Amino acid sequence: MTAVTGRTSAAISPDEFRSVFRGHPAGVAVVALQHAGRPVGFTATSVISVSAEPPLLAFSLASSSSSWPAVSRARTLAVSFLAYDQADLSARFATSGIDRFADGGWRPLDSGEPVIDGAVAWVRAQVVQRTAVGSSHLVTLQAVAHHVEDAGTPLVFHDRGYHRLGSGTRV
């Protein structure tokens, strides 16, 4: 396989690329960590499972994000997978220029990383690698602890809006 570097003349525009992913539903998560004595967090729809053995996951974050300086130095963080009724939390953690933690709805783990109350699941992870890719960074993590709610229904983002999966949505 040949690596693709830089933009080729056949590349699609950023708007065309975004239109592809508007039609691709994604789970919604909040990535959070402690940095300089305060919690830092943001909404991510780019969280992916990379490997079960070892347990690796990853997310991407724009290099221009206000959270990138903290993530660039973090050793550990937590990923909370939001429940269907947490669209307000997702919106709060996606908003720039506010204290995203001020209104509560979270708690620190014993190790300090913040997790979202009522999330479908959370994973505490160690940062394995940060890779600059285009205008973003791909952050790879190794899961070291987790919690899963028994009856959680996830929050899904699709076509610029939040959705819920239900028992009747199975094909």
Protein backbone atom coordinates (compact mmCIF):
# COMPACT_ATOMS: atom_id res chain seq x y z
CA MET A 1 0.00 0.00 0.00
CA THR A 2 1.32 3.42 -0.93
CA ALA A 3 1.04 6.25 1.58
CA VAL A 4 -0.78 9.36 0.42
CA THR A 5 0.89 12.61 1.37
CA GLY A 6 -0.29 16.14 0.75
CA ARG A 7 -3.27 17.22 -1.36
CA THR A 8 -3.54 15.81 -4.85
CA SER A 9 -5.41 17.42 -7.73
CA ALA A 10 -8.13 14.75 -7.38
CA ALA A 11 -8.87 15.59 -3.71
CA ILE A 12 -12.34 16.75 -2.77
CA SER A 13 -12.95 20.09 -1.08
CA PRO A 14 -13.37 20.41 2.71
CA ASP A 15 -17.10 21.15 2.23
CA GLU A 16 -17.52 18.09 0.00
CA PHE A 17 -15.69 15.97 2.58
CA ARG A 18 -17.91 17.27 5.40
CA SER A 19 -21.02 16.41 3.35
CA VAL A 20 -19.89 12.77 3.23
CA PHE A 21 -19.58 12.57 7.01
CA ARG A 22 -22.90 14.34 7.65
CA GLY A 23 -24.48 11.15 6.35
CA HIS A 24 -22.32 8.91 8.54
CA PRO A 25 -23.75 8.53 12.07
CA ALA A 26 -21.29 8.62 14.95
CA GLY A 27 -21.41 7.95 18.64
CA VAL A 28 -20.88 10.98 20.87
CA ALA A 29 -18.26 11.09 23.61
CA VAL A 30 -16.69 13.59 25.96
CA VAL A 31 -12.91 13.34 26.28
CA ALA A 32 -11.68 14.80 29.57
CA LEU A 33 -8.49 15.14 31.58
CA GLN A 34 -6.83 17.11 34.36
CA HIS A 35 -4.37 19.78 33.26
CA ALA A 36 -2.63 22.35 35.45
CA GLY A 37 -5.00 21.58 38.32
CA ARG A 38 -8.24 22.01 36.40
CA PRO A 39 -10.47 19.78 34.27
CA VAL A 40 -10.32 20.08 30.47
CA GLY A 41 -12.79 18.40 28.15
CA PHE A 42 -14.44 18.46 24.74
CA THR A 43 -17.03 16.64 22.67
CA ALA A 44 -15.73 14.08 20.17
CA THR A 45 -17.56 12.12 17.49
CA SER A 46 -14.29 10.70 16.16
CA VAL A 47 -13.65 8.04 18.84
CA ILE A 48 -12.84 4.66 17.29
CA SER A 49 -11.91 1.20 18.48
CA VAL A 50 -8.47 0.36 17.12
CA SER A 51 -7.61 -3.01 18.66
CA ALA A 52 -9.04 -5.37 21.27
CA GLU A 53 -5.66 -6.93 22.02
CA PRO A 54 -4.14 -4.76 23.33
CA PRO A 55 -7.22 -2.61 24.06
CA LEU A 56 -6.58 0.51 21.96
CA LEU A 57 -8.85 3.36 20.96
CA ALA A 58 -8.24 6.68 19.26
CA PHE A 59 -9.79 10.05 18.53
CA SER A 60 -8.88 13.04 16.43
CA LEU A 61 -8.64 16.62 17.62
CA ALA A 62 -8.03 19.76 15.57
CA SER A 63 -4.63 21.30 16.17
CA SER A 64 -6.41 24.65 16.60
CA SER A 65 -8.66 23.33 19.41
CA SER A 66 -8.41 25.12 22.75
CA SER A 67 -8.06 21.64 24.32
CA TRP A 68 -5.07 20.59 22.19
CA PRO A 69 -2.36 22.13 24.44
CA ALA A 70 -3.65 20.08 27.40
CA VAL A 71 -4.09 16.90 25.34
CA SER A 72 -0.62 17.33 23.84
CA ARG A 73 0.86 16.96 27.35
CA ALA A 74 -1.58 14.49 28.91
CA ARG A 75 -0.45 11.08 30.08
CA THR A 76 -3.95 9.83 30.86
CA LEU A 77 -7.52 10.86 30.12
CA ALA A 78 -11.05 9.53 30.20
CA VAL A 79 -13.54 9.02 27.39
CA SER A 80 -17.22 9.09 28.43
CA PHE A 81 -19.65 7.67 25.85
CA LEU A 82 -22.79 9.76 26.20
CA ALA A 83 -26.34 8.48 26.70
CA TYR A 84 -29.25 9.47 24.45
CA ASP A 85 -30.51 12.07 26.95
CA GLN A 86 -27.18 13.92 27.20
CA ALA A 87 -27.35 16.08 24.07
CA ASP A 88 -27.17 19.15 26.33
CA LEU A 89 -23.87 17.92 27.78
CA SER A 90 -22.53 17.24 24.30
CA ALA A 91 -23.45 20.77 23.23
CA ARG A 92 -21.87 22.26 26.37
CA PHE A 93 -18.58 20.41 25.84
CA ALA A 94 -18.58 21.48 22.17
CA THR A 95 -18.94 25.17 23.08
CA SER A 96 -15.80 27.31 23.09
CA GLY A 97 -15.07 30.07 25.57
CA ILE A 98 -17.03 28.68 28.54
CA ASP A 99 -16.21 26.66 31.65
CA ARG A 100 -17.58 23.35 30.39
CA PHE A 101 -17.44 21.82 33.87
CA ALA A 102 -19.15 24.65 35.81
CA ASP A 103 -22.69 23.23 35.56
CA GLY A 104 -21.73 19.83 37.01
CA GLY A 105 -22.82 16.47 35.69
CA TRP A 106 -19.38 14.94 36.13
CA ARG A 107 -17.09 13.49 38.77
CA PRO A 108 -13.38 12.80 39.00
CA LEU A 109 -12.12 9.24 39.07
CA ASP A 110 -9.78 8.37 41.96
CA SER A 111 -6.95 8.96 39.49
CA GLY A 112 -8.30 12.47 38.73
CA GLU A 113 -9.72 12.18 35.21
CA PRO A 114 -13.26 13.55 34.89
CA VAL A 115 -16.06 11.23 33.74
CA ILE A 116 -19.60 12.23 32.82
CA ASP A 117 -22.37 11.14 35.20
CA GLY A 118 -24.96 8.94 33.49
CA ALA A 119 -22.76 8.11 30.49
CA VAL A 120 -23.40 4.76 28.78
CA ALA A 121 -19.78 3.83 29.45
CA TRP A 122 -16.40 5.35 30.18
CA VAL A 123 -12.81 4.30 29.55
CA ARG A 124 -9.77 5.57 31.44
CA ALA A 125 -6.75 5.39 29.16
CA GLN A 126 -3.06 6.12 28.84
CA VAL A 127 -1.90 8.11 25.85
CA VAL A 128 0.19 5.88 23.60
CA GLN A 129 0.83 8.15 20.62
CA ARG A 130 -0.04 11.53 19.13
CA THR A 131 0.27 11.78 15.37
CA ALA A 132 -0.06 15.01 13.39
CA VAL A 133 -2.39 14.32 10.46
CA GLY A 134 -3.49 17.20 8.24
CA SER A 135 -4.89 19.99 10.42
CA SER A 136 -5.53 17.59 13.32
CA HIS A 137 -3.85 15.11 15.63
CA LEU A 138 -4.78 11.45 15.95
CA VAL A 139 -4.44 10.48 19.61
CA THR A 140 -4.07 6.75 20.31
CA LEU A 141 -4.88 5.42 23.78
CA GLN A 142 -4.58 2.17 25.70
CA ALA A 143 -7.57 1.42 27.92
CA VAL A 144 -6.61 0.73 31.54
CA ALA A 145 -10.02 0.89 33.27
CA HIS A 146 -13.67 1.07 32.26
CA HIS A 147 -17.29 1.05 33.36
CA VAL A 148 -20.37 0.09 31.34
CA GLU A 149 -23.98 0.83 32.33
CA ASP A 150 -26.29 -2.19 31.95
CA ALA A 151 -29.14 -0.54 30.07
CA GLY A 152 -27.50 2.42 28.41
CA THR A 153 -28.75 3.77 25.10
CA PRO A 154 -26.14 5.83 23.23
CA LEU A 155 -26.37 9.34 21.84
CA VAL A 156 -25.75 9.45 18.09
CA PHE A 157 -24.85 12.44 15.92
CA HIS A 158 -26.05 12.39 12.31
CA ASP A 159 -26.65 15.12 9.73
CA ARG A 160 -25.94 17.95 12.22
CA GLY A 161 -28.39 16.63 14.83
CA TYR A 162 -28.62 14.29 17.80
CA HIS A 163 -30.46 10.98 17.60
CA ARG A 164 -31.20 8.00 19.80
CA LEU A 165 -31.03 4.35 18.88
CA GLY A 166 -34.01 2.30 19.97
CA SER A 167 -35.01 -1.34 20.03
CA GLY A 168 -37.12 -0.73 16.91
CA THR A 169 -34.16 0.55 14.90
CA ARG A 170 -32.46 -2.83 14.50
CA VAL A 171 -32.38 -4.09 10.89
